[in-house]
Structure formats: C-alpha cells, structure tokens
PDB file of N, CA and C in Angstrom:
ATOM      1  N   MET A   1       5.995   0.508  12.654  1.00  0.00           N
ATOM      2  CA  MET A   1       5.723  -0.041  11.336  1.00  0.00           C
ATOM      3  C   MET A   1       6.945  -0.754  10.784  1.00  0.00           C
ATOM      4  N   ALA A   2       8.133  -0.201  11.024  1.00  0.00           N
ATOM      5  CA  ALA A   2       9.347  -0.857  10.532  1.00  0.00           C
ATOM      6  C   ALA A   2       9.483  -2.231  11.166  1.00  0.00           C
ATOM      7  N   TYR A   3       9.203  -2.316  12.433  1.00  0.00           N
ATOM      8  CA  TYR A   3       9.323  -3.592  13.138  1.00  0.00           C
ATOM      9  C   TYR A   3       8.338  -4.616  12.583  1.00  0.00           C
ATOM     10  N   ILE A   4       7.099  -4.223  12.416  1.00  0.00           N
ATOM     11  CA  ILE A   4       6.062  -5.138  11.942  1.00  0.00           C
ATOM     12  C   ILE A   4       6.285  -5.527  10.478  1.00  0.00           C
ATOM     13  N   SER A   5       6.604  -4.567   9.631  1.00  0.00           N
ATOM     14  CA  SER A   5       6.717  -4.864   8.203  1.00  0.00           C
ATOM     15  C   SER A   5       7.948  -5.700   7.860  1.00  0.00           C
ATOM     16  N   ARG A   6       9.017  -5.582   8.637  1.00  0.00           N
ATOM     17  CA  ARG A   6      10.228  -6.337   8.348  1.00  0.00           C
ATOM     18  C   ARG A   6      10.314  -7.634   9.135  1.00  0.00           C
ATOM     19  N   GLY A   7       9.570  -7.721  10.218  1.00  0.00           N
ATOM     20  CA  GLY A   7       9.646  -8.912  11.043  1.00  0.00           C
ATOM     21  C   GLY A   7      10.867  -8.923  11.940  1.00  0.00           C
ATOM     22  N   CYS A   8      11.913  -8.301  11.494  1.00  0.00           N
ATOM     23  CA  CYS A   8      13.140  -8.201  12.281  1.00  0.00           C
ATOM     24  C   CYS A   8      13.763  -6.847  11.985  1.00  0.00           C
ATOM     25  N   THR A   9      13.966  -6.065  13.000  1.00  0.00           N
ATOM     26  CA  THR A   9      14.491  -4.719  12.787  1.00  0.00           C
ATOM     27  C   THR A   9      15.943  -4.585  13.204  1.00  0.00           C
ATOM     28  N   ARG A  10      16.607  -5.670  13.430  1.00  0.00           N
ATOM     29  CA  ARG A  10      18.011  -5.598  13.841  1.00  0.00           C
ATOM     30  C   ARG A  10      18.790  -4.769  12.825  1.00  0.00           C
ATOM     31  N   GLY A  11      19.375  -3.695  13.321  1.00  0.00           N
ATOM     32  CA  GLY A  11      20.180  -2.843  12.454  1.00  0.00           C
ATOM     33  C   GLY A  11      19.418  -1.715  11.783  1.00  0.00           C
ATOM     34  N   VAL A  12      18.090  -1.641  11.919  1.00  0.00           N
ATOM     35  CA  VAL A  12      17.331  -0.540  11.325  1.00  0.00           C
ATOM     36  C   VAL A  12      17.676   0.739  12.076  1.00  0.00           C
ATOM     37  N   LEU A  13      17.933   1.800  11.338  1.00  0.00           N
ATOM     38  CA  LEU A  13      18.292   3.087  11.916  1.00  0.00           C
ATOM     39  C   LEU A  13      17.064   3.984  11.946  1.00  0.00           C
ATOM     40  N   LEU A  14      16.749   4.500  13.116  1.00  0.00           N
ATOM     41  CA  LEU A  14      15.630   5.415  13.266  1.00  0.00           C
ATOM     42  C   LEU A  14      16.195   6.779  13.636  1.00  0.00           C
ATOM     43  N   HIS A  15      15.937   7.777  12.795  1.00  0.00           N
ATOM     44  CA  HIS A  15      16.468   9.118  13.036  1.00  0.00           C
ATOM     45  C   HIS A  15      15.380  10.012  13.614  1.00  0.00           C
ATOM     46  N   SER A  16      15.731  10.787  14.619  1.00  0.00           N
ATOM     47  CA  SER A  16      14.772  11.718  15.223  1.00  0.00           C
ATOM     48  C   SER A  16      15.488  12.986  15.653  1.00  0.00           C
ATOM     49  N   ASP A  17      14.703  13.945  16.093  1.00  0.00           N
ATOM     50  CA  ASP A  17      15.301  15.135  16.679  1.00  0.00           C
ATOM     51  C   ASP A  17      15.447  14.921  18.181  1.00  0.00           C
ATOM     52  N   GLN A  18      15.761  15.978  18.920  1.00  0.00           N
ATOM     53  CA  GLN A  18      16.000  15.841  20.350  1.00  0.00           C
ATOM     54  C   GLN A  18      14.763  16.169  21.185  1.00  0.00           C
ATOM     55  N   GLY A  19      13.590  15.977  20.624  1.00  0.00           N
ATOM     56  CA  GLY A  19      12.361  16.225  21.360  1.00  0.00           C
ATOM     57  C   GLY A  19      12.238  15.310  22.571  1.00  0.00           C
ATOM     58  N   SER A  20      11.473  15.754  23.563  1.00  0.00           N
ATOM     59  CA  SER A  20      11.363  15.004  24.816  1.00  0.00           C
ATOM     60  C   SER A  20      10.812  13.591  24.601  1.00  0.00           C
ATOM     61  N   TYR A  21       9.940  13.419  23.627  1.00  0.00           N
ATOM     62  CA  TYR A  21       9.395  12.088  23.352  1.00  0.00           C
ATOM     63  C   TYR A  21      10.518  11.128  22.946  1.00  0.00           C
ATOM     64  N   PHE A  22      11.400  11.596  22.055  1.00  0.00           N
ATOM     65  CA  PHE A  22      12.459  10.739  21.520  1.00  0.00           C
ATOM     66  C   PHE A  22      13.601  10.520  22.498  1.00  0.00           C
ATOM     67  N   THR A  23      13.741  11.397  23.477  1.00  0.00           N
ATOM     68  CA  THR A  23      14.821  11.231  24.455  1.00  0.00           C
ATOM     69  C   THR A  23      14.340  10.556  25.734  1.00  0.00           C
ATOM     70  N   SER A  24      13.062  10.223  25.802  1.00  0.00           N
ATOM     71  CA  SER A  24      12.524   9.616  27.019  1.00  0.00           C
ATOM     72  C   SER A  24      13.071   8.198  27.216  1.00  0.00           C
ATOM     73  N   LYS A  25      13.116   7.803  28.461  1.00  0.00           N
ATOM     74  CA  LYS A  25      13.612   6.471  28.817  1.00  0.00           C
ATOM     75  C   LYS A  25      12.741   5.377  28.190  1.00  0.00           C
ATOM     76  N   ASN A  26      11.424   5.553  28.218  1.00  0.00           N
ATOM     77  CA  ASN A  26      10.521   4.550  27.638  1.00  0.00           C
ATOM     78  C   ASN A  26      10.753   4.363  26.144  1.00  0.00           C
ATOM     79  N   TYR A  27      10.960   5.456  25.435  1.00  0.00           N
ATOM     80  CA  TYR A  27      11.187   5.386  23.989  1.00  0.00           C
ATOM     81  C   TYR A  27      12.492   4.647  23.692  1.00  0.00           C
ATOM     82  N   ARG A  28      13.544   5.004  24.409  1.00  0.00           N
ATOM     83  CA  ARG A  28      14.836   4.350  24.193  1.00  0.00           C
ATOM     84  C   ARG A  28      14.768   2.864  24.542  1.00  0.00           C
ATOM     85  N   LYS A  29      14.016   2.499  25.579  1.00  0.00           N
ATOM     86  CA  LYS A  29      13.862   1.089  25.939  1.00  0.00           C
ATOM     87  C   LYS A  29      13.150   0.323  24.832  1.00  0.00           C
ATOM     88  N   ARG A  30      12.139   0.940  24.241  1.00  0.00           N
ATOM     89  CA  ARG A  30      11.406   0.277  23.151  1.00  0.00           C
ATOM     90  C   ARG A  30      12.316   0.046  21.949  1.00  0.00           C
ATOM     91  N   LEU A  31      13.093   1.044  21.585  1.00  0.00           N
ATOM     92  CA  LEU A  31      14.025   0.871  20.465  1.00  0.00           C
ATOM     93  C   LEU A  31      15.010  -0.262  20.751  1.00  0.00           C
ATOM     94  N   LYS A  32      15.494  -0.315  21.973  1.00  0.00           N
ATOM     95  CA  LYS A  32      16.433  -1.375  22.347  1.00  0.00           C
ATOM     96  C   LYS A  32      15.758  -2.747  22.247  1.00  0.00           C
ATOM     97  N   ARG A  33      14.503  -2.839  22.693  1.00  0.00           N
ATOM     98  CA  ARG A  33      13.769  -4.100  22.624  1.00  0.00           C
ATOM     99  C   ARG A  33      13.601  -4.563  21.173  1.00  0.00           C
ATOM    100  N   TYR A  34      13.432  -3.603  20.253  1.00  0.00           N
ATOM    101  CA  TYR A  34      13.262  -3.945  18.841  1.00  0.00           C
ATOM    102  C   TYR A  34      14.603  -4.043  18.102  1.00  0.00           C
ATOM    103  N   HIS A  35      15.711  -3.884  18.802  1.00  0.00           N
ATOM    104  CA  HIS A  35      17.051  -3.956  18.206  1.00  0.00           C
ATOM    105  C   HIS A  35      17.248  -2.909  17.118  1.00  0.00           C
ATOM    106  N   MET A  36      16.684  -1.724  17.336  1.00  0.00           N
ATOM    107  CA  MET A  36      16.829  -0.626  16.384  1.00  0.00           C
ATOM    108  C   MET A  36      17.888   0.347  16.892  1.00  0.00           C
ATOM    109  N   LYS A  37      18.632   0.914  15.962  1.00  0.00           N
ATOM    110  CA  LYS A  37      19.633   1.914  16.298  1.00  0.00           C
ATOM    111  C   LYS A  37      18.978   3.294  16.263  1.00  0.00           C
ATOM    112  N   HIS A  38      19.319   4.136  17.223  1.00  0.00           N
ATOM    113  CA  HIS A  38      18.733   5.464  17.300  1.00  0.00           C
ATOM    114  C   HIS A  38      19.765   6.498  16.867  1.00  0.00           C
ATOM    115  N   SER A  39      19.396   7.293  15.909  1.00  0.00           N
ATOM    116  CA  SER A  39      20.212   8.396  15.441  1.00  0.00           C
ATOM    117  C   SER A  39      19.470   9.672  15.824  1.00  0.00           C
ATOM    118  N   MET A  40      20.179  10.615  16.389  1.00  0.00           N
ATOM    119  CA  MET A  40      19.516  11.843  16.829  1.00  0.00           C
ATOM    120  C   MET A  40      20.304  13.044  16.311  1.00  0.00           C
ATOM    121  N   SER A  41      19.575  14.054  15.839  1.00  0.00           N
ATOM    122  CA  SER A  41      20.255  15.235  15.353  1.00  0.00           C
ATOM    123  C   SER A  41      21.001  15.945  16.473  1.00  0.00           C
ATOM    124  N   ARG A  42      22.095  16.549  16.104  1.00  0.00           N
ATOM    125  CA  ARG A  42      22.850  17.330  17.072  1.00  0.00           C
ATOM    126  C   ARG A  42      22.118  18.625  17.347  1.00  0.00           C
ATOM    127  N   LYS A  43      22.227  19.105  18.533  1.00  0.00           N
ATOM    128  CA  LYS A  43      21.552  20.339  18.933  1.00  0.00           C
ATOM    129  C   LYS A  43      22.003  21.490  18.043  1.00  0.00           C
ATOM    130  N   GLY A  44      21.025  22.195  17.477  1.00  0.00           N
ATOM    131  CA  GLY A  44      21.316  23.360  16.654  1.00  0.00           C
ATOM    132  C   GLY A  44      21.823  23.052  15.257  1.00  0.00           C
ATOM    133  N   ASN A  45      21.818  21.798  14.839  1.00  0.00           N
ATOM    134  CA  ASN A  45      22.306  21.444  13.512  1.00  0.00           C
ATOM    135  C   ASN A  45      21.142  21.008  12.647  1.00  0.00           C
ATOM    136  N   CYS A  46      20.594  21.940  11.907  1.00  0.00           N
ATOM    137  CA  CYS A  46      19.412  21.638  11.087  1.00  0.00           C
ATOM    138  C   CYS A  46      19.728  20.667   9.953  1.00  0.00           C
ATOM    139  N   TRP A  47      20.987  20.568   9.538  1.00  0.00           N
ATOM    140  CA  TRP A  47      21.316  19.688   8.421  1.00  0.00           C
ATOM    141  C   TRP A  47      21.153  18.219   8.777  1.00  0.00           C
ATOM    142  N   ASP A  48      21.273  17.883  10.057  1.00  0.00           N
ATOM    143  CA  ASP A  48      21.051  16.500  10.460  1.00  0.00           C
ATOM    144  C   ASP A  48      19.632  16.050  10.137  1.00  0.00           C
ATOM    145  N   ASN A  49      18.712  16.963  10.201  1.00  0.00           N
ATOM    146  CA  ASN A  49      17.312  16.634  10.017  1.00  0.00           C
ATOM    147  C   ASN A  49      16.803  16.941   8.609  1.00  0.00           C
ATOM    148  N   ALA A  50      17.685  17.296   7.703  1.00  0.00           N
ATOM    149  CA  ALA A  50      17.261  17.697   6.360  1.00  0.00           C
ATOM    150  C   ALA A  50      16.415  16.635   5.655  1.00  0.00           C
ATOM    151  N   PRO A  51      16.769  15.334   5.696  1.00  0.00           N
ATOM    152  CA  PRO A  51      15.931  14.354   4.994  1.00  0.00           C
ATOM    153  C   PRO A  51      14.501  14.286   5.540  1.00  0.00           C
ATOM    154  N   ILE A  52      14.342  14.318   6.849  1.00  0.00           N
ATOM    155  CA  ILE A  52      12.985  14.222   7.404  1.00  0.00           C
ATOM    156  C   ILE A  52      12.218  15.529   7.197  1.00  0.00           C
ATOM    157  N   GLU A  53      12.931  16.656   7.230  1.00  0.00           N
ATOM    158  CA  GLU A  53      12.272  17.928   6.923  1.00  0.00           C
ATOM    159  C   GLU A  53      11.768  17.916   5.483  1.00  0.00           C
ATOM    160  N   HIS A  54      12.545  17.358   4.572  1.00  0.00           N
ATOM    161  CA  HIS A  54      12.121  17.238   3.179  1.00  0.00           C
ATOM    162  C   HIS A  54      10.892  16.344   3.062  1.00  0.00           C
ATOM    163  N   PHE A  55      10.890  15.242   3.813  1.00  0.00           N
ATOM    164  CA  PHE A  55       9.733  14.340   3.824  1.00  0.00           C
ATOM    165  C   PHE A  55       8.471  15.094   4.237  1.00  0.00           C
ATOM    166  N   PHE A  56       8.543  15.837   5.346  1.00  0.00           N
ATOM    167  CA  PHE A  56       7.354  16.547   5.824  1.00  0.00           C
ATOM    168  C   PHE A  56       6.941  17.668   4.880  1.00  0.00           C
ATOM    169  N   ARG A  57       7.907  18.334   4.263  1.00  0.00           N
ATOM    170  CA  ARG A  57       7.550  19.361   3.283  1.00  0.00           C
ATOM    171  C   ARG A  57       6.790  18.725   2.126  1.00  0.00           C
ATOM    172  N   SER A  58       7.272  17.584   1.635  1.00  0.00           N
ATOM    173  CA  SER A  58       6.595  16.889   0.537  1.00  0.00           C
ATOM    174  C   SER A  58       5.197  16.442   0.952  1.00  0.00           C
ATOM    175  N   LEU A  59       5.085  15.893   2.153  1.00  0.00           N
ATOM    176  CA  LEU A  59       3.776  15.463   2.652  1.00  0.00           C
ATOM    177  C   LEU A  59       2.801  16.638   2.667  1.00  0.00           C
ATOM    178  N   LYS A  60       3.250  17.763   3.193  1.00  0.00           N
ATOM    179  CA  LYS A  60       2.368  18.927   3.330  1.00  0.00           C
ATOM    180  C   LYS A  60       2.003  19.558   1.988  1.00  0.00           C
ATOM    181  N   THR A  61       2.945  19.579   1.037  1.00  0.00           N
ATOM    182  CA  THR A  61       2.674  20.256  -0.238  1.00  0.00           C
ATOM    183  C   THR A  61       2.074  19.347  -1.293  1.00  0.00           C
ATOM    184  N   GLU A  62       2.368  18.053  -1.237  1.00  0.00           N
ATOM    185  CA  GLU A  62       1.896  17.144  -2.279  1.00  0.00           C
ATOM    186  C   GLU A  62       0.675  16.326  -1.878  1.00  0.00           C
ATOM    187  N   TRP A  63       0.455  16.147  -0.598  1.00  0.00           N
ATOM    188  CA  TRP A  63      -0.543  15.177  -0.167  1.00  0.00           C
ATOM    189  C   TRP A  63      -1.652  15.775   0.691  1.00  0.00           C
ATOM    190  N   MET A  64      -1.328  16.744   1.495  1.00  0.00           N
ATOM    191  CA  MET A  64      -2.303  17.293   2.438  1.00  0.00           C
ATOM    192  C   MET A  64      -3.247  18.270   1.739  1.00  0.00           C
ATOM    193  N   PRO A  65      -4.550  18.109   1.951  1.00  0.00           N
ATOM    194  CA  PRO A  65      -5.497  19.076   1.381  1.00  0.00           C
ATOM    195  C   PRO A  65      -5.260  20.465   1.975  1.00  0.00           C
ATOM    196  N   LYS A  66      -5.555  21.488   1.206  1.00  0.00           N
ATOM    197  CA  LYS A  66      -5.315  22.873   1.660  1.00  0.00           C
ATOM    198  C   LYS A  66      -6.006  23.181   2.985  1.00  0.00           C
ATOM    199  N   ASN A  67      -7.173  22.629   3.213  1.00  0.00           N
ATOM    200  CA  ASN A  67      -7.911  22.887   4.447  1.00  0.00           C
ATOM    201  C   ASN A  67      -7.781  21.751   5.466  1.00  0.00           C
ATOM    202  N   GLY A  68      -6.836  20.867   5.257  1.00  0.00           N
ATOM    203  CA  GLY A  68      -6.641  19.748   6.179  1.00  0.00           C
ATOM    204  C   GLY A  68      -7.666  18.649   5.957  1.00  0.00           C
ATOM    205  N   TRP A  69      -7.606  17.630   6.779  1.00  0.00           N
ATOM    206  CA  TRP A  69      -8.541  16.528   6.676  1.00  0.00           C
ATOM    207  C   TRP A  69      -9.722  16.758   7.608  1.00  0.00           C
ATOM    208  N   SER A  70     -10.815  16.079   7.332  1.00  0.00           N
ATOM    209  CA  SER A  70     -12.047  16.279   8.108  1.00  0.00           C
ATOM    210  C   SER A  70     -11.976  15.682   9.503  1.00  0.00           C
ATOM    211  N   THR A  71     -11.315  14.525   9.621  1.00  0.00           N
ATOM    212  CA  THR A  71     -11.263  13.837  10.912  1.00  0.00           C
ATOM    213  C   THR A  71      -9.845  13.315  11.160  1.00  0.00           C
ATOM    214  N   PRO A  72      -9.508  13.051  12.410  1.00  0.00           N
ATOM    215  CA  PRO A  72      -8.208  12.435  12.690  1.00  0.00           C
ATOM    216  C   PRO A  72      -8.046  11.079  11.989  1.00  0.00           C
ATOM    217  N   ARG A  73      -9.117  10.327  11.906  1.00  0.00           N
ATOM    218  CA  ARG A  73      -9.060   9.023  11.234  1.00  0.00           C
ATOM    219  C   ARG A  73      -8.730   9.178   9.753  1.00  0.00           C
ATOM    220  N   GLU A  74      -9.345  10.160   9.108  1.00  0.00           N
ATOM    221  CA  GLU A  74      -9.066  10.431   7.700  1.00  0.00           C
ATOM    222  C   GLU A  74      -7.597  10.849   7.526  1.00  0.00           C
ATOM    223  N   ALA A  75      -7.090  11.671   8.434  1.00  0.00           N
ATOM    224  CA  ALA A  75      -5.691  12.105   8.381  1.00  0.00           C
ATOM    225  C   ALA A  75      -4.749  10.920   8.534  1.00  0.00           C
ATOM    226  N   LYS A  76      -5.035  10.060   9.507  1.00  0.00           N
ATOM    227  CA  LYS A  76      -4.183   8.891   9.749  1.00  0.00           C
ATOM    228  C   LYS A  76      -4.145   7.987   8.520  1.00  0.00           C
ATOM    229  N   HIS A  77      -5.293   7.756   7.917  1.00  0.00           N
ATOM    230  CA  HIS A  77      -5.381   6.906   6.733  1.00  0.00           C
ATOM    231  C   HIS A  77      -4.599   7.527   5.566  1.00  0.00           C
ATOM    232  N   ALA A  78      -4.760   8.827   5.360  1.00  0.00           N
ATOM    233  CA  ALA A  78      -4.084   9.509   4.250  1.00  0.00           C
ATOM    234  C   ALA A  78      -2.568   9.512   4.434  1.00  0.00           C
ATOM    235  N   VAL A  79      -2.105   9.787   5.645  1.00  0.00           N
ATOM    236  CA  VAL A  79      -0.659   9.810   5.898  1.00  0.00           C
ATOM    237  C   VAL A  79      -0.076   8.408   5.749  1.00  0.00           C
ATOM    238  N   ASN A  80      -0.790   7.402   6.227  1.00  0.00           N
ATOM    239  CA  ASN A  80      -0.335   6.024   6.068  1.00  0.00           C
ATOM    240  C   ASN A  80      -0.223   5.669   4.585  1.00  0.00           C
ATOM    241  N   ASN A  81      -1.193   6.062   3.791  1.00  0.00           N
ATOM    242  CA  ASN A  81      -1.137   5.804   2.350  1.00  0.00           C
ATOM    243  C   ASN A  81       0.043   6.517   1.714  1.00  0.00           C
ATOM    244  N   TYR A  82       0.293   7.752   2.136  1.00  0.00           N
ATOM    245  CA  TYR A  82       1.409   8.513   1.585  1.00  0.00           C
ATOM    246  C   TYR A  82       2.730   7.792   1.860  1.00  0.00           C
ATOM    247  N   ILE A  83       2.918   7.363   3.091  1.00  0.00           N
ATOM    248  CA  ILE A  83       4.174   6.723   3.472  1.00  0.00           C
ATOM    249  C   ILE A  83       4.298   5.338   2.837  1.00  0.00           C
ATOM    250  N   CYS A  84       3.292   4.511   3.029  1.00  0.00           N
ATOM    251  CA  CYS A  84       3.389   3.097   2.639  1.00  0.00           C
ATOM    252  C   CYS A  84       3.146   2.833   1.162  1.00  0.00           C
ATOM    253  N   LYS A  85       2.317   3.625   0.526  1.00  0.00           N
ATOM    254  CA  LYS A  85       1.971   3.333  -0.868  1.00  0.00           C
ATOM    255  C   LYS A  85       2.657   4.253  -1.868  1.00  0.00           C
ATOM    256  N   TYR A  86       2.980   5.475  -1.456  1.00  0.00           N
ATOM    257  CA  TYR A  86       3.624   6.379  -2.407  1.00  0.00           C
ATOM    258  C   TYR A  86       5.105   6.588  -2.084  1.00  0.00           C
ATOM    259  N   TYR A  87       5.384   7.172  -0.945  1.00  0.00           N
ATOM    260  CA  TYR A  87       6.738   7.606  -0.610  1.00  0.00           C
ATOM    261  C   TYR A  87       7.748   6.462  -0.661  1.00  0.00           C
ATOM    262  N   ASN A  88       7.453   5.362  -0.015  1.00  0.00           N
ATOM    263  CA  ASN A  88       8.408   4.249   0.042  1.00  0.00           C
ATOM    264  C   ASN A  88       8.542   3.490  -1.273  1.00  0.00           C
ATOM    265  N   HIS A  89       7.496   3.488  -2.100  1.00  0.00           N
ATOM    266  CA  HIS A  89       7.519   2.692  -3.332  1.00  0.00           C
ATOM    267  C   HIS A  89       7.831   3.508  -4.584  1.00  0.00           C
ATOM    268  N   HIS A  90       7.417   4.781  -4.612  1.00  0.00           N
ATOM    269  CA  HIS A  90       7.514   5.547  -5.857  1.00  0.00           C
ATOM    270  C   HIS A  90       8.336   6.821  -5.742  1.00  0.00           C
ATOM    271  N   GLY A  91       8.510   7.318  -4.532  1.00  0.00           N
ATOM    272  CA  GLY A  91       9.189   8.604  -4.364  1.00  0.00           C
ATOM    273  C   GLY A  91      10.692   8.509  -4.574  1.00  0.00           C
ATOM    274  N   PRO A  92      11.207   9.086  -5.668  1.00  0.00           N
ATOM    275  CA  PRO A  92      12.655   9.040  -5.898  1.00  0.00           C
ATOM    276  C   PRO A  92      13.397   9.914  -4.887  1.00  0.00           C
ATOM    277  N   HIS A  93      14.575   9.488  -4.503  1.00  0.00           N
ATOM    278  CA  HIS A  93      15.369  10.212  -3.516  1.00  0.00           C
ATOM    279  C   HIS A  93      16.766  10.456  -4.061  1.00  0.00           C
ATOM    280  N   GLN A  94      17.207  11.675  -3.928  1.00  0.00           N
ATOM    281  CA  GLN A  94      18.527  12.065  -4.403  1.00  0.00           C
ATOM    282  C   GLN A  94      19.621  11.212  -3.754  1.00  0.00           C
ATOM    283  N   HIS A  95      19.499  10.946  -2.467  1.00  0.00           N
ATOM    284  CA  HIS A  95      20.531  10.195  -1.745  1.00  0.00           C
ATOM    285  C   HIS A  95      20.476   8.690  -2.025  1.00  0.00           C
ATOM    286  N   ASN A  96      19.459   8.243  -2.751  1.00  0.00           N
ATOM    287  CA  ASN A  96      19.337   6.827  -3.136  1.00  0.00           C
ATOM    288  C   ASN A  96      19.580   6.655  -4.633  1.00  0.00           C
ATOM    289  N   GLN A  97      20.359   7.530  -5.215  1.00  0.00           N
ATOM    290  CA  GLN A  97      20.628   7.501  -6.654  1.00  0.00           C
ATOM    291  C   GLN A  97      19.328   7.521  -7.466  1.00  0.00           C
ATOM    292  N   GLY A  98      18.355   8.291  -7.012  1.00  0.00           N
ATOM    293  CA  GLY A  98      17.097   8.446  -7.735  1.00  0.00           C
ATOM    294  C   GLY A  98      16.094   7.330  -7.511  1.00  0.00           C
ATOM    295  N   MET A  99      16.409   6.402  -6.604  1.00  0.00           N
ATOM    296  CA  MET A  99      15.497   5.284  -6.345  1.00  0.00           C
ATOM    297  C   MET A  99      14.621   5.582  -5.134  1.00  0.00           C
ATOM    298  N   ALA A 100      13.450   4.969  -5.117  1.00  0.00           N
ATOM    299  CA  ALA A 100      12.568   5.036  -3.938  1.00  0.00           C
ATOM    300  C   ALA A 100      13.204   4.217  -2.818  1.00  0.00           C
ATOM    301  N   PRO A 101      12.844   4.480  -1.548  1.00  0.00           N
ATOM    302  CA  PRO A 101      13.442   3.728  -0.432  1.00  0.00           C
ATOM    303  C   PRO A 101      13.338   2.215  -0.569  1.00  0.00           C
ATOM    304  N   ASP A 102      12.185   1.707  -0.974  1.00  0.00           N
ATOM    305  CA  ASP A 102      12.039   0.245  -1.113  1.00  0.00           C
ATOM    306  C   ASP A 102      12.964  -0.318  -2.185  1.00  0.00           C
ATOM    307  N   GLN A 103      13.107   0.407  -3.301  1.00  0.00           N
ATOM    308  CA  GLN A 103      14.004  -0.046  -4.365  1.00  0.00           C
ATOM    309  C   GLN A 103      15.442  -0.092  -3.869  1.00  0.00           C
ATOM    310  N   LYS A 104      15.847   0.947  -3.171  1.00  0.00           N
ATOM    311  CA  LYS A 104      17.207   1.021  -2.651  1.00  0.00           C
ATOM    312  C   LYS A 104      17.474  -0.110  -1.671  1.00  0.00           C
ATOM    313  N   GLU A 105      16.512  -0.376  -0.797  1.00  0.00           N
ATOM    314  CA  GLU A 105      16.677  -1.431   0.201  1.00  0.00           C
ATOM    315  C   GLU A 105      16.831  -2.800  -0.468  1.00  0.00           C
ATOM    316  N   MET A 106      16.100  -3.040  -1.555  1.00  0.00           N
ATOM    317  CA  MET A 106      16.195  -4.318  -2.256  1.00  0.00           C
ATOM    318  C   MET A 106      17.552  -4.489  -2.933  1.00  0.00           C
ATOM    319  N   ASN A 107      18.175  -3.378  -3.303  1.00  0.00           N
ATOM    320  CA  ASN A 107      19.450  -3.427  -4.014  1.00  0.00           C
ATOM    321  C   ASN A 107      20.657  -3.496  -3.092  1.00  0.00           C
ATOM    322  N   LEU A 108      20.443  -3.494  -1.784  1.00  0.00           N
ATOM    323  CA  LEU A 108      21.568  -3.539  -0.841  1.00  0.00           C
ATOM    324  C   LEU A 108      22.158  -4.929  -0.771  1.00  0.00           C
TER     325      LEU A 108
END
C-alpha cells in the first residue's frame, strides 16, 4: 500500500519483527525492488516493536467487534478502513507531537 499510495517509496522505512515471512529472501528482494528500507526488531527486545504493538492493541480494542467479523472479506475491508481512513488521518500519535501520521508526513 505504501508503494501504490506514494508512487515512489524511495526512503520509506518498513518496520517488522524477525518472523520467517519478514526474513525470507523473497520478502527482502521485494523491499529492495520498491527501494524501501527494512527495519527489524532486535531479538528479545520488545521495545523495538512498541509502536506496532500499540497499533494492533488499538485495532483490537477500538475497531474489532467483540465476536470478530463474519467473513474474511468483511475483516479485510474493516482493517483497511481503520488504517487508511482513521489511523493515518485522525489517530494522534505521541511520537508525532500529537499529529496523525499523514499530518506529520505533510509537515516534514
């Protein structure tokens, strides 16, 4: 989504954990093709992943229905709306001086 929405991802930082998907050769090749920088948490250091853990906690407590979604398609649509319409545009972030990610990016 970052690649498509920006048209050019040169210099975009993508942070992940050390899961096998993120450390695979195919994944790293794709990031290189899109000119994205890969940041990975250090083994056993939960603080590296604190921002993304906060994101998922917010998603689960603020957006996800108590009994989950009815279908995978409904889940995909809801999560996409959360990320693209709420989190990036309206969700204030402590590390962005209280601004949403899109606001912070515009002010760079």
